[in-house]
Every structure is written in structure tokens, then in C-alpha cells.
C-alpha atoms as a PDB file:
ATOM      1  CA  MET A   1      -0.249   0.363   0.053  1.00  0.00           C
ATOM      2  CA  PHE A   2       1.142   3.065  -1.012  1.00  0.00           C
ATOM      3  CA  LEU A   3       0.021   6.674   1.344  1.00  0.00           C
ATOM      4  CA  LEU A   4       0.966  10.266   0.268  1.00  0.00           C
ATOM      5  CA  ILE A   5      -0.648  12.583   2.215  1.00  0.00           C
ATOM      6  CA  LYS A   6       0.541  16.329   1.885  1.00  0.00           C
ATOM      7  CA  THR A   7       4.128  16.181   1.801  1.00  0.00           C
ATOM      8  CA  ALA A   8       4.322  13.214   3.780  1.00  0.00           C
ATOM      9  CA  GLU A   9       4.646   9.592   1.883  1.00  0.00           C
ATOM     10  CA  THR A  10       4.675   6.234   3.071  1.00  0.00           C
ATOM     11  CA  SER A  11       4.502   2.715   1.528  1.00  0.00           C
ATOM     12  CA  PHE A  12       4.253  -0.916   3.758  1.00  0.00           C
ATOM     13  CA  TYR A  13       3.304  -4.349   3.360  1.00  0.00           C
ATOM     14  CA  GLU A  14       1.430  -6.314   5.531  1.00  0.00           C
ATOM     15  CA  LYS A  15       2.115 -10.470   5.374  1.00  0.00           C
ATOM     16  CA  THR A  16      -0.723 -13.186   6.224  1.00  0.00           C
ATOM     17  CA  ASP A  17       0.152 -16.744   5.931  1.00  0.00           C
ATOM     18  CA  VAL A  18      -3.199 -19.320   5.476  1.00  0.00           C
ATOM     19  CA  CYS A  19      -2.796 -22.850   6.369  1.00  0.00           C
ATOM     20  CA  MET A  20      -5.195 -25.417   4.878  1.00  0.00           C
ATOM     21  CA  TYR A  21      -6.417 -28.827   5.944  1.00  0.00           C
ATOM     22  CA  PRO A  22      -6.120 -30.824   3.247  1.00  0.00           C
ATOM     23  CA  LEU A  23      -9.173 -31.167   0.792  1.00  0.00           C
ATOM     24  CA  ASP A  24     -10.164 -34.457  -1.149  1.00  0.00           C
ATOM     25  CA  ASP A  25     -11.349 -33.557  -5.042  1.00  0.00           C
ATOM     26  CA  ALA A  26     -14.950 -33.827  -4.011  1.00  0.00           C
ATOM     27  CA  GLU A  27     -14.615 -30.708  -1.453  1.00  0.00           C
ATOM     28  CA  ILE A  28     -12.524 -28.954  -3.917  1.00  0.00           C
ATOM     29  CA  ARG A  29     -15.194 -29.730  -6.964  1.00  0.00           C
ATOM     30  CA  ARG A  30     -17.965 -29.204  -4.503  1.00  0.00           C
ATOM     31  CA  TYR A  31     -16.751 -25.798  -3.809  1.00  0.00           C
ATOM     32  CA  ILE A  32     -16.042 -24.583  -7.214  1.00  0.00           C
ATOM     33  CA  ALA A  33     -19.744 -25.214  -7.763  1.00  0.00           C
ATOM     34  CA  SER A  34     -20.617 -23.422  -5.203  1.00  0.00           C
ATOM     35  CA  GLY A  35     -19.344 -19.960  -7.185  1.00  0.00           C
ATOM     36  CA  GLU A  36     -17.777 -18.822  -3.870  1.00  0.00           C
ATOM     37  CA  PRO A  37     -14.134 -18.405  -5.244  1.00  0.00           C
ATOM     38  CA  MET A  38     -15.147 -17.048  -8.714  1.00  0.00           C
ATOM     39  CA  ASP A  39     -15.163 -13.186  -7.271  1.00  0.00           C
ATOM     40  CA  LYS A  40     -12.114 -14.085  -5.056  1.00  0.00           C
ATOM     41  CA  ALA A  41      -8.295 -12.633  -5.589  1.00  0.00           C
ATOM     42  CA  GLY A  42      -7.169 -15.880  -4.093  1.00  0.00           C
ATOM     43  CA  SER A  43      -9.704 -17.969  -4.569  1.00  0.00           C
ATOM     44  CA  TYR A  44     -11.383 -18.605  -1.295  1.00  0.00           C
ATOM     45  CA  GLY A  45     -13.387 -16.477   1.182  1.00  0.00           C
ATOM     46  CA  ILE A  46     -11.868 -17.475   4.513  1.00  0.00           C
ATOM     47  CA  GLN A  47     -15.109 -15.773   5.879  1.00  0.00           C
ATOM     48  CA  GLY A  48     -17.413 -17.675   3.748  1.00  0.00           C
ATOM     49  CA  GLN A  49     -18.123 -21.525   3.503  1.00  0.00           C
ATOM     50  CA  ALA A  50     -13.676 -21.421   2.168  1.00  0.00           C
ATOM     51  CA  ALA A  51     -13.530 -21.140   6.727  1.00  0.00           C
ATOM     52  CA  ALA A  52     -14.234 -24.907   7.173  1.00  0.00           C
ATOM     53  CA  PHE A  53     -10.952 -25.730   5.191  1.00  0.00           C
ATOM     54  CA  VAL A  54      -8.605 -23.120   7.726  1.00  0.00           C
ATOM     55  CA  LYS A  55      -6.359 -25.133   9.942  1.00  0.00           C
ATOM     56  CA  GLU A  56      -4.801 -21.796  10.972  1.00  0.00           C
ATOM     57  CA  ILE A  57      -3.767 -18.447  10.116  1.00  0.00           C
ATOM     58  CA  HIS A  58      -0.093 -16.439  10.680  1.00  0.00           C
ATOM     59  CA  GLY A  59      -0.629 -12.446  10.611  1.00  0.00           C
ATOM     60  CA  ASP A  60      -3.616 -10.210  10.392  1.00  0.00           C
ATOM     61  CA  TYR A  61      -7.176 -11.985   9.647  1.00  0.00           C
ATOM     62  CA  ASN A  62      -8.309  -8.438   8.330  1.00  0.00           C
ATOM     63  CA  ASN A  63      -5.597  -8.564   5.965  1.00  0.00           C
ATOM     64  CA  VAL A  64      -6.712 -11.720   4.260  1.00  0.00           C
ATOM     65  CA  VAL A  65     -10.582 -10.467   3.981  1.00  0.00           C
ATOM     66  CA  GLY A  66      -9.036  -7.267   2.333  1.00  0.00           C
ATOM     67  CA  LEU A  67      -7.796  -4.280   4.448  1.00  0.00           C
ATOM     68  CA  PRO A  68      -5.209  -4.501   7.237  1.00  0.00           C
ATOM     69  CA  VAL A  69      -7.222  -2.137   9.031  1.00  0.00           C
ATOM     70  CA  GLY A  70      -4.830  -2.002  11.721  1.00  0.00           C
ATOM     71  CA  ARG A  71      -1.711  -1.584   9.985  1.00  0.00           C
ATOM     72  CA  LEU A  72      -2.932   0.829   8.002  1.00  0.00           C
ATOM     73  CA  TYR A  73      -4.376   3.419  11.258  1.00  0.00           C
ATOM     74  CA  GLN A  74      -1.206   2.923  12.449  1.00  0.00           C
ATOM     75  CA  GLU A  75       0.380   4.199   9.603  1.00  0.00           C
ATOM     76  CA  LEU A  76      -1.666   7.210   9.588  1.00  0.00           C
ATOM     77  CA  LYS A  77      -1.170   8.050  12.902  1.00  0.00           C
ATOM     78  CA  LYS A  78       2.641   7.945  12.432  1.00  0.00           C
ATOM     79  CA  LEU A  79       1.853  10.623   9.578  1.00  0.00           C
ATOM     80  CA  GLY A  80      -0.029  12.760  11.774  1.00  0.00           C
ATOM     81  CA  VAL A  81      -3.388  12.141   9.574  1.00  0.00           C
ATOM     82  CA  MET A  82      -4.934  10.258  12.029  1.00  0.00           C
ATOM     83  CA  GLU A  83      -5.655   9.716  15.751  1.00  0.00           C
ATOM     84  CA  TRP A  84      -8.556   8.717  18.385  1.00  0.00           C
ATOM     85  CA  ASN A  85     -10.115  11.431  20.484  1.00  0.00           C
END
């Protein structure tokens, strides 16, 4: 992610590893047939049916879902753009 605020700029990334249980061919076919993976960047939705396949996650869950909100807030705070009142 790249942020440019007035005269300050920063860039950062977040890494999250998701480990899945082994899936057999029938489970994979059923999941594909459900249509759920068709509009997902990684072809699965951790917050949907694929949650049943997730063994463990290392990192920020929100990063897997879409946006690492906590990290984004921390970066905005460093730039002096955002803070809780």
C-alpha cells in the first residue's frame, strides 16, 4: 500500500500465511460449484464456506479478508493524519 498525504509519504505491506487442511477432489469440486471462489483474489473466502478448510492463520485476519485496517491506522497515525479523540 502507498500513502501520500500532503508532504509525507510512506509505503508498507502486510503478509499473512493461511494454512489449509488437505482437501479431496470432491470437496474442491463442491467448493468450485458453489460459485464462492469465482470473485475472490485468492479463489477462496476465509469468511465464507472456505473457513471450514482453514487450519491456521499467521498474521492479520483482516489482511486476508481485504484490508489490514489496524496497520493502515498505525501508518496514518505516524503521518499525523489520524488519531482517536
